[in-house]
Amino acid sequence: MGEGGTPSESAPTSGATLEILTPRSGTRVDAPFTVSYRVGCPAGGCADFAYLRVSVAGVDPIIAIDVPIDVKTGTVDIPADKRMTGLRDLTFTLAGPDLEPLEGSAASVTIHDLTIAGPRSP
């Protein structure tokens, strides 16, 4: 993926493509926060998508949140979670109705160095 949440030029072009509009790499958000996204499909259509999976690496265990989506352009709310606070890389992946990630596409985007401010205790 390219910088700022857009697919890189070397990413596969078949199937669904995911773009994270906000937040951008290197920015700060206050939890809970809203993510704006756009899904692109080639002229022939793309695989069904039903979820946006948000994964946070660098925490143990890895946090993965599956948020239902049903439109190509929209927003999703990411809940506050004390394990997510701090400087994080978040990966957003389109998943099908069975929660399996979509394959053979640029359906995954990583937002780097996102500072998530929020509660550190329950």
Protein backbone atom coordinates (compact mmCIF):
# COMPACT_ATOMS: atom_id res chain seq x y z
CA MET A 1 0.00 0.00 0.00
CA GLY A 2 1.10 3.51 -0.66
CA GLU A 3 1.62 6.20 1.94
CA GLY A 4 -1.49 7.70 3.51
CA GLY A 5 -3.80 4.77 2.96
CA THR A 6 -4.00 4.53 -0.83
CA PRO A 7 -3.17 1.40 -2.84
CA SER A 8 0.40 1.34 -4.16
CA GLU A 9 1.07 1.21 -7.89
CA SER A 10 2.34 -2.38 -7.59
CA ALA A 11 -0.82 -3.61 -5.85
CA PRO A 12 -3.04 -5.98 -7.85
CA THR A 13 -5.79 -4.20 -9.75
CA SER A 14 -8.39 -6.96 -10.08
CA GLY A 15 -11.31 -7.16 -7.67
CA ALA A 16 -12.20 -4.68 -4.99
CA THR A 17 -9.91 -1.85 -4.00
CA LEU A 18 -10.07 -0.15 -0.63
CA GLU A 19 -9.17 3.44 0.11
CA ILE A 20 -9.15 4.88 3.61
CA LEU A 21 -10.03 8.55 3.33
CA THR A 22 -9.64 9.43 7.01
CA PRO A 23 -7.75 9.12 9.24
CA ARG A 24 -4.46 9.53 7.35
CA SER A 25 -1.03 8.18 8.25
CA GLY A 26 0.77 10.26 10.85
CA THR A 27 -2.34 11.90 12.31
CA ARG A 28 -3.99 11.82 15.75
CA VAL A 29 -7.50 10.64 16.64
CA ASP A 30 -9.45 10.50 19.88
CA ALA A 31 -11.09 7.14 20.61
CA PRO A 32 -13.75 6.30 19.75
CA PHE A 33 -13.13 7.55 16.21
CA THR A 34 -14.71 7.45 12.76
CA VAL A 35 -13.08 6.00 9.65
CA SER A 36 -14.14 7.18 6.19
CA TYR A 37 -13.62 4.64 3.40
CA ARG A 38 -14.30 4.05 -0.29
CA VAL A 39 -14.50 0.71 -2.11
CA GLY A 40 -13.80 0.63 -5.82
CA CYS A 41 -14.82 -2.10 -8.22
CA PRO A 42 -13.68 -2.70 -11.82
CA ALA A 43 -16.21 -2.43 -14.66
CA GLY A 44 -16.99 -6.15 -14.37
CA GLY A 45 -17.89 -5.85 -10.69
CA CYS A 46 -16.10 -7.19 -7.66
CA ALA A 47 -16.51 -9.81 -4.98
CA ASP A 48 -19.16 -9.26 -2.36
CA PHE A 49 -17.87 -7.40 0.65
CA ALA A 50 -19.73 -7.23 3.93
CA TYR A 51 -17.18 -6.29 6.58
CA LEU A 52 -14.28 -3.96 7.15
CA ARG A 53 -11.75 -5.69 9.40
CA VAL A 54 -9.59 -3.38 11.49
CA SER A 55 -6.43 -5.02 12.83
CA VAL A 56 -3.99 -3.52 15.29
CA ALA A 57 -0.55 -5.10 15.38
CA GLY A 58 1.90 -4.62 18.21
CA VAL A 59 -0.51 -5.56 20.97
CA ASP A 60 -0.88 -8.95 22.59
CA PRO A 61 -3.18 -10.45 21.62
CA ILE A 62 -3.64 -8.78 18.23
CA ILE A 63 -6.84 -6.74 18.13
CA ALA A 64 -9.19 -7.41 15.21
CA ILE A 65 -12.57 -5.70 14.91
CA ASP A 66 -15.05 -6.67 12.16
CA VAL A 67 -17.40 -3.81 11.30
CA PRO A 68 -20.34 -4.48 8.95
CA ILE A 69 -20.46 -2.33 5.81
CA ASP A 70 -23.01 -2.33 3.00
CA VAL A 71 -22.16 0.70 0.87
CA LYS A 72 -19.16 1.49 -1.33
CA THR A 73 -18.51 4.86 0.32
CA GLY A 74 -19.21 5.47 3.97
CA THR A 75 -18.01 5.68 7.52
CA VAL A 76 -17.58 3.23 10.36
CA ASP A 77 -17.12 3.92 14.05
CA ILE A 78 -14.19 2.30 15.82
CA PRO A 79 -14.92 1.83 19.53
CA ALA A 80 -12.60 2.96 22.29
CA ASP A 81 -10.33 0.17 23.52
CA LYS A 82 -7.58 0.88 26.02
CA ARG A 83 -5.30 -1.61 24.23
CA MET A 84 -5.43 0.52 21.07
CA THR A 85 -4.14 3.76 22.59
CA GLY A 86 -0.72 5.04 21.60
CA LEU A 87 1.18 5.13 18.31
CA ARG A 88 -0.23 2.35 16.14
CA ASP A 89 -0.33 0.94 12.63
CA LEU A 90 -3.89 -0.05 11.70
CA THR A 91 -4.64 -2.41 8.82
CA PHE A 92 -8.06 -2.23 7.18
CA THR A 93 -9.16 -5.22 5.08
CA LEU A 94 -12.35 -5.92 3.15
CA ALA A 95 -13.95 -9.23 4.14
CA GLY A 96 -16.83 -11.20 2.71
CA PRO A 97 -20.04 -12.31 4.42
CA ASP A 98 -18.11 -15.28 5.87
CA LEU A 99 -15.55 -12.87 7.45
CA GLU A 100 -12.81 -14.22 5.15
CA PRO A 101 -10.57 -11.49 3.71
CA LEU A 102 -11.09 -10.81 0.01
CA GLU A 103 -8.27 -12.30 -2.09
CA GLY A 104 -6.59 -11.23 -5.31
CA SER A 105 -7.29 -7.55 -4.81
CA ALA A 106 -6.00 -4.34 -3.29
CA ALA A 107 -8.55 -4.81 -0.54
CA SER A 108 -6.19 -4.04 2.32
CA VAL A 109 -4.72 -0.72 3.48
CA THR A 110 -2.38 0.06 6.37
CA ILE A 111 -2.44 3.43 8.08
CA HIS A 112 0.98 4.00 9.67
CA ASP A 113 1.89 5.98 12.77
CA LEU A 114 -1.65 6.80 13.85
CA THR A 115 -1.73 8.23 17.35
CA ILE A 116 -4.84 7.02 19.14
CA ALA A 117 -5.70 8.98 22.27
CA GLY A 118 -8.21 7.53 24.66
CA PRO A 119 -8.79 5.65 27.87
CA ARG A 120 -5.98 3.60 29.33
CA SER A 121 -8.22 1.90 31.86
CA PRO A 122 -11.67 0.31 31.62
